[in-house]
Amino acid sequence: MDERDRALLDQALAACLQAAEPDQELPFMDDAVLRQWRDLIAGQIAPGGVSETLDIYGVRLGKSPDDLRAMLDSPERMQSDLWANISPKLLAQVETHMNAFAREQMLTYLNEP
C-alpha cells in the first residue's frame, strides 16, 4: 500500500515534515521519540528516499525483506500467505475505516482548545 500511496504524495511533504519541531505535543511521548519518527518517515518519502516498510515488517514477522518482496510479487504466494487469511475486499474495508478514523482523530486534535 505504501508503494501505491507514495506516488500520490506532494514532493514538498518531506521537507514540511522535516521542518516540524515537536514541543511537548504528546504528554505520553518524549519529543526525541517524535523527532526520530519524523526523521524516519521524512527520509522515506523524500524525493529519492527508499521505503523501509519491508525491513520494518520483516523484523516483526521474522522474515527477510527479500522474502516479503517475493511474496508481494507473487500472486500465488499472496493467495496462500495473505488472501487465505483476509480477503482483499475486507482489507480494503479495513483500510477505508482506518483512514477515516485517523482523519477524524487528527481533526479532533487540531480543533481542541
N, C-alpha and C. Protein backbone atom coordinates (compact mmCIF):
# COMPACT_ATOMS: atom_id res chain seq x y z
N MET A 1 0.81 -1.19 0.00
CA MET A 1 0.00 0.00 0.00
C MET A 1 0.86 1.26 0.00
N ASP A 2 2.00 1.21 0.69
CA ASP A 2 2.81 2.42 0.71
C ASP A 2 3.40 2.71 -0.66
N GLU A 3 3.68 1.67 -1.45
CA GLU A 3 4.16 1.91 -2.81
C GLU A 3 3.07 2.59 -3.63
N ARG A 4 1.84 2.16 -3.45
CA ARG A 4 0.71 2.76 -4.16
C ARG A 4 0.52 4.22 -3.71
N ASP A 5 0.55 4.44 -2.42
CA ASP A 5 0.24 5.76 -1.88
C ASP A 5 1.37 6.77 -2.03
N ARG A 6 2.60 6.30 -2.07
CA ARG A 6 3.73 7.22 -2.19
C ARG A 6 3.64 8.06 -3.47
N ALA A 7 3.15 7.47 -4.52
CA ALA A 7 3.03 8.18 -5.80
C ALA A 7 2.04 9.35 -5.69
N LEU A 8 1.18 9.33 -4.70
CA LEU A 8 0.18 10.38 -4.53
C LEU A 8 0.66 11.55 -3.69
N LEU A 9 1.82 11.40 -3.04
CA LEU A 9 2.31 12.43 -2.12
C LEU A 9 2.87 13.64 -2.86
N ASP A 10 2.61 14.79 -2.32
CA ASP A 10 3.21 16.04 -2.79
C ASP A 10 4.71 15.96 -2.49
N GLN A 11 5.55 16.29 -3.45
CA GLN A 11 7.01 16.21 -3.29
C GLN A 11 7.52 17.11 -2.16
N ALA A 12 6.78 18.16 -1.82
CA ALA A 12 7.21 19.08 -0.76
C ALA A 12 6.89 18.55 0.64
N LEU A 13 6.13 17.47 0.72
CA LEU A 13 5.69 16.97 2.02
C LEU A 13 6.86 16.57 2.92
N ALA A 14 7.87 15.94 2.38
CA ALA A 14 9.01 15.51 3.19
C ALA A 14 9.71 16.69 3.83
N ALA A 15 9.91 17.76 3.07
CA ALA A 15 10.57 18.95 3.63
C ALA A 15 9.71 19.59 4.72
N CYS A 16 8.40 19.61 4.51
CA CYS A 16 7.50 20.15 5.54
C CYS A 16 7.57 19.32 6.81
N LEU A 17 7.55 18.01 6.64
CA LEU A 17 7.63 17.13 7.80
C LEU A 17 8.97 17.31 8.50
N GLN A 18 10.05 17.37 7.76
CA GLN A 18 11.38 17.52 8.35
C GLN A 18 11.49 18.83 9.14
N ALA A 19 10.76 19.85 8.72
CA ALA A 19 10.81 21.14 9.41
C ALA A 19 9.98 21.16 10.69
N ALA A 20 9.12 20.18 10.86
CA ALA A 20 8.28 20.13 12.06
C ALA A 20 9.15 19.91 13.30
N GLU A 21 8.91 20.69 14.32
CA GLU A 21 9.68 20.59 15.55
C GLU A 21 8.72 20.42 16.72
N PRO A 22 8.61 19.19 17.23
CA PRO A 22 7.68 18.96 18.34
C PRO A 22 8.07 19.74 19.58
N ASP A 23 7.07 20.17 20.32
CA ASP A 23 7.29 20.91 21.56
C ASP A 23 6.25 20.43 22.57
N GLN A 24 6.53 19.28 23.14
CA GLN A 24 5.64 18.66 24.12
C GLN A 24 4.23 18.48 23.55
N GLU A 25 4.19 18.00 22.29
CA GLU A 25 2.91 17.80 21.60
C GLU A 25 2.09 16.68 22.22
N LEU A 26 2.76 15.64 22.69
CA LEU A 26 2.07 14.49 23.24
C LEU A 26 2.53 14.27 24.67
N PRO A 27 1.61 14.29 25.61
CA PRO A 27 2.01 14.15 27.02
C PRO A 27 2.56 12.77 27.35
N PHE A 28 2.32 11.79 26.50
CA PHE A 28 2.74 10.43 26.77
C PHE A 28 3.98 10.02 25.98
N MET A 29 4.56 10.97 25.21
CA MET A 29 5.72 10.60 24.38
C MET A 29 6.71 11.76 24.36
N ASP A 30 7.97 11.42 24.58
CA ASP A 30 9.03 12.41 24.58
C ASP A 30 9.25 12.98 23.17
N ASP A 31 9.59 14.25 23.10
CA ASP A 31 9.83 14.89 21.81
C ASP A 31 10.94 14.20 21.01
N ALA A 32 11.92 13.63 21.69
CA ALA A 32 13.01 12.93 20.98
C ALA A 32 12.46 11.75 20.18
N VAL A 33 11.47 11.05 20.72
CA VAL A 33 10.87 9.93 20.01
C VAL A 33 10.12 10.44 18.78
N LEU A 34 9.40 11.54 18.93
CA LEU A 34 8.70 12.13 17.78
C LEU A 34 9.67 12.59 16.71
N ARG A 35 10.81 13.14 17.10
CA ARG A 35 11.81 13.55 16.12
C ARG A 35 12.39 12.34 15.39
N GLN A 36 12.61 11.24 16.10
CA GLN A 36 13.10 10.02 15.45
C GLN A 36 12.09 9.51 14.43
N TRP A 37 10.81 9.50 14.82
CA TRP A 37 9.75 9.06 13.90
C TRP A 37 9.69 9.99 12.69
N ARG A 38 9.73 11.30 12.96
CA ARG A 38 9.71 12.30 11.89
C ARG A 38 10.83 12.05 10.89
N ASP A 39 12.03 11.84 11.40
CA ASP A 39 13.19 11.64 10.53
C ASP A 39 13.07 10.35 9.73
N LEU A 40 12.56 9.29 10.36
CA LEU A 40 12.38 8.01 9.68
C LEU A 40 11.41 8.17 8.51
N ILE A 41 10.27 8.79 8.75
CA ILE A 41 9.25 8.94 7.72
C ILE A 41 9.71 9.94 6.64
N ALA A 42 10.22 11.08 7.06
CA ALA A 42 10.63 12.10 6.09
C ALA A 42 11.70 11.57 5.15
N GLY A 43 12.62 10.79 5.66
CA GLY A 43 13.67 10.23 4.81
C GLY A 43 13.12 9.27 3.77
N GLN A 44 12.07 8.57 4.12
CA GLN A 44 11.49 7.60 3.18
C GLN A 44 10.64 8.27 2.11
N ILE A 45 9.96 9.35 2.47
CA ILE A 45 9.06 9.98 1.49
C ILE A 45 9.72 11.10 0.70
N ALA A 46 10.95 11.44 1.07
CA ALA A 46 11.68 12.48 0.33
C ALA A 46 11.97 11.99 -1.09
N PRO A 47 12.07 12.92 -2.04
CA PRO A 47 12.47 12.51 -3.39
C PRO A 47 13.77 11.71 -3.32
N GLY A 48 13.77 10.54 -3.93
CA GLY A 48 14.93 9.66 -3.89
C GLY A 48 15.01 8.81 -2.64
N GLY A 49 14.06 9.00 -1.70
CA GLY A 49 14.04 8.21 -0.48
C GLY A 49 13.68 6.76 -0.77
N VAL A 50 14.03 5.89 0.13
CA VAL A 50 13.79 4.47 -0.03
C VAL A 50 12.87 3.98 1.09
N SER A 51 11.82 3.29 0.73
CA SER A 51 10.89 2.74 1.71
C SER A 51 11.60 1.72 2.59
N GLU A 52 11.32 1.78 3.88
CA GLU A 52 11.86 0.82 4.84
C GLU A 52 10.76 -0.12 5.36
N THR A 53 9.60 -0.09 4.72
CA THR A 53 8.48 -0.89 5.19
C THR A 53 8.81 -2.37 5.28
N LEU A 54 9.40 -2.93 4.24
CA LEU A 54 9.70 -4.36 4.25
C LEU A 54 10.75 -4.70 5.29
N ASP A 55 11.70 -3.81 5.53
CA ASP A 55 12.70 -4.04 6.57
C ASP A 55 12.04 -4.04 7.95
N ILE A 56 11.15 -3.09 8.18
CA ILE A 56 10.49 -2.97 9.49
C ILE A 56 9.55 -4.15 9.73
N TYR A 57 8.70 -4.45 8.75
CA TYR A 57 7.78 -5.58 8.92
C TYR A 57 8.52 -6.91 8.94
N GLY A 58 9.60 -7.01 8.19
CA GLY A 58 10.37 -8.24 8.19
C GLY A 58 10.85 -8.61 9.59
N VAL A 59 11.36 -7.63 10.32
CA VAL A 59 11.81 -7.88 11.70
C VAL A 59 10.63 -8.36 12.54
N ARG A 60 9.50 -7.70 12.41
CA ARG A 60 8.32 -8.05 13.22
C ARG A 60 7.76 -9.41 12.86
N LEU A 61 7.89 -9.80 11.60
CA LEU A 61 7.31 -11.07 11.13
C LEU A 61 8.32 -12.22 11.08
N GLY A 62 9.57 -11.91 11.39
CA GLY A 62 10.60 -12.94 11.34
C GLY A 62 10.92 -13.37 9.92
N LYS A 63 10.79 -12.45 8.97
CA LYS A 63 11.09 -12.73 7.56
C LYS A 63 12.07 -11.69 7.04
N SER A 64 12.78 -12.06 6.01
CA SER A 64 13.70 -11.10 5.41
C SER A 64 12.90 -10.16 4.49
N PRO A 65 13.42 -8.96 4.27
CA PRO A 65 12.76 -8.07 3.31
C PRO A 65 12.64 -8.70 1.93
N ASP A 66 13.65 -9.49 1.54
CA ASP A 66 13.59 -10.16 0.23
C ASP A 66 12.46 -11.18 0.17
N ASP A 67 12.23 -11.89 1.26
CA ASP A 67 11.14 -12.86 1.29
C ASP A 67 9.78 -12.15 1.20
N LEU A 68 9.65 -11.04 1.92
CA LEU A 68 8.39 -10.28 1.83
C LEU A 68 8.19 -9.74 0.42
N ARG A 69 9.24 -9.24 -0.20
CA ARG A 69 9.15 -8.72 -1.57
C ARG A 69 8.73 -9.83 -2.52
N ALA A 70 9.33 -11.02 -2.34
CA ALA A 70 8.98 -12.16 -3.20
C ALA A 70 7.51 -12.52 -3.04
N MET A 71 7.00 -12.47 -1.80
CA MET A 71 5.59 -12.76 -1.58
C MET A 71 4.70 -11.72 -2.28
N LEU A 72 5.04 -10.45 -2.11
CA LEU A 72 4.24 -9.38 -2.71
C LEU A 72 4.24 -9.44 -4.23
N ASP A 73 5.32 -9.94 -4.80
CA ASP A 73 5.44 -10.02 -6.25
C ASP A 73 4.86 -11.31 -6.84
N SER A 74 4.40 -12.21 -5.98
CA SER A 74 3.89 -13.49 -6.45
C SER A 74 2.40 -13.63 -6.13
N PRO A 75 1.54 -13.62 -7.16
CA PRO A 75 0.10 -13.80 -6.91
C PRO A 75 -0.21 -15.11 -6.17
N GLU A 76 0.55 -16.15 -6.46
CA GLU A 76 0.32 -17.44 -5.79
C GLU A 76 0.62 -17.35 -4.30
N ARG A 77 1.75 -16.72 -3.96
CA ARG A 77 2.10 -16.57 -2.55
C ARG A 77 1.16 -15.60 -1.85
N MET A 78 0.76 -14.56 -2.53
CA MET A 78 -0.21 -13.63 -1.92
C MET A 78 -1.49 -14.38 -1.57
N GLN A 79 -1.92 -15.27 -2.47
CA GLN A 79 -3.13 -16.06 -2.22
C GLN A 79 -2.95 -16.96 -1.00
N SER A 80 -1.85 -17.69 -0.96
CA SER A 80 -1.67 -18.66 0.12
C SER A 80 -1.24 -18.02 1.44
N ASP A 81 -0.42 -16.96 1.38
CA ASP A 81 0.13 -16.37 2.60
C ASP A 81 -0.69 -15.21 3.15
N LEU A 82 -1.50 -14.57 2.32
CA LEU A 82 -2.26 -13.41 2.79
C LEU A 82 -3.75 -13.56 2.56
N TRP A 83 -4.14 -13.69 1.30
CA TRP A 83 -5.57 -13.68 0.99
C TRP A 83 -6.32 -14.87 1.57
N ALA A 84 -5.62 -15.95 1.90
CA ALA A 84 -6.28 -17.07 2.56
C ALA A 84 -6.68 -16.70 3.99
N ASN A 85 -6.07 -15.64 4.53
CA ASN A 85 -6.35 -15.20 5.91
C ASN A 85 -7.26 -13.98 5.98
N ILE A 86 -7.19 -13.13 4.97
CA ILE A 86 -8.02 -11.93 4.92
C ILE A 86 -8.28 -11.63 3.45
N SER A 87 -9.53 -11.42 3.11
CA SER A 87 -9.86 -11.18 1.70
C SER A 87 -9.45 -9.78 1.28
N PRO A 88 -9.16 -9.59 0.00
CA PRO A 88 -8.84 -8.24 -0.49
C PRO A 88 -9.97 -7.26 -0.19
N LYS A 89 -11.22 -7.72 -0.28
CA LYS A 89 -12.36 -6.84 0.00
C LYS A 89 -12.34 -6.39 1.46
N LEU A 90 -12.11 -7.33 2.38
CA LEU A 90 -12.07 -6.97 3.79
C LEU A 90 -10.90 -6.05 4.09
N LEU A 91 -9.74 -6.31 3.49
CA LEU A 91 -8.59 -5.44 3.68
C LEU A 91 -8.90 -4.02 3.21
N ALA A 92 -9.56 -3.88 2.07
CA ALA A 92 -9.92 -2.55 1.56
C ALA A 92 -10.90 -1.87 2.51
N GLN A 93 -11.84 -2.62 3.06
CA GLN A 93 -12.80 -2.04 4.02
C GLN A 93 -12.08 -1.57 5.28
N VAL A 94 -11.18 -2.39 5.79
CA VAL A 94 -10.43 -2.02 6.99
C VAL A 94 -9.60 -0.77 6.72
N GLU A 95 -8.94 -0.72 5.56
CA GLU A 95 -8.13 0.45 5.21
C GLU A 95 -8.99 1.70 5.14
N THR A 96 -10.15 1.60 4.54
CA THR A 96 -11.06 2.75 4.43
C THR A 96 -11.47 3.24 5.82
N HIS A 97 -11.84 2.31 6.68
CA HIS A 97 -12.26 2.69 8.04
C HIS A 97 -11.09 3.27 8.84
N MET A 98 -9.91 2.70 8.69
CA MET A 98 -8.74 3.21 9.41
C MET A 98 -8.39 4.63 8.95
N ASN A 99 -8.46 4.88 7.66
CA ASN A 99 -8.17 6.22 7.14
C ASN A 99 -9.18 7.24 7.66
N ALA A 100 -10.45 6.87 7.66
CA ALA A 100 -11.49 7.77 8.16
C ALA A 100 -11.29 8.04 9.66
N PHE A 101 -10.97 7.00 10.42
CA PHE A 101 -10.76 7.16 11.85
C PHE A 101 -9.55 8.05 12.12
N ALA A 102 -8.45 7.81 11.41
CA ALA A 102 -7.24 8.62 11.60
C ALA A 102 -7.51 10.09 11.27
N ARG A 103 -8.24 10.33 10.19
CA ARG A 103 -8.59 11.70 9.81
C ARG A 103 -9.46 12.35 10.88
N GLU A 104 -10.44 11.62 11.37
CA GLU A 104 -11.32 12.14 12.42
C GLU A 104 -10.53 12.48 13.69
N GLN A 105 -9.60 11.60 14.06
CA GLN A 105 -8.80 11.85 15.25
C GLN A 105 -7.89 13.07 15.08
N MET A 106 -7.31 13.22 13.89
CA MET A 106 -6.46 14.39 13.64
C MET A 106 -7.26 15.68 13.70
N LEU A 107 -8.44 15.67 13.10
CA LEU A 107 -9.29 16.87 13.14
C LEU A 107 -9.72 17.19 14.57
N THR A 108 -10.03 16.17 15.35
CA THR A 108 -10.38 16.38 16.76
C THR A 108 -9.21 17.02 17.49
N TYR A 109 -8.02 16.48 17.28
CA TYR A 109 -6.83 17.02 17.93
C TYR A 109 -6.58 18.47 17.52
N LEU A 110 -6.67 18.76 16.24
CA LEU A 110 -6.40 20.11 15.76
C LEU A 110 -7.44 21.12 16.21
N ASN A 111 -8.65 20.67 16.47
CA ASN A 111 -9.74 21.58 16.87
C ASN A 111 -9.89 21.72 18.38
N GLU A 112 -9.08 21.00 19.16
CA GLU A 112 -9.17 21.12 20.61
C GLU A 112 -8.56 22.45 21.03
N PRO A 113 -9.16 23.06 22.06
CA PRO A 113 -8.62 24.35 22.55
C PRO A 113 -7.28 24.19 23.24
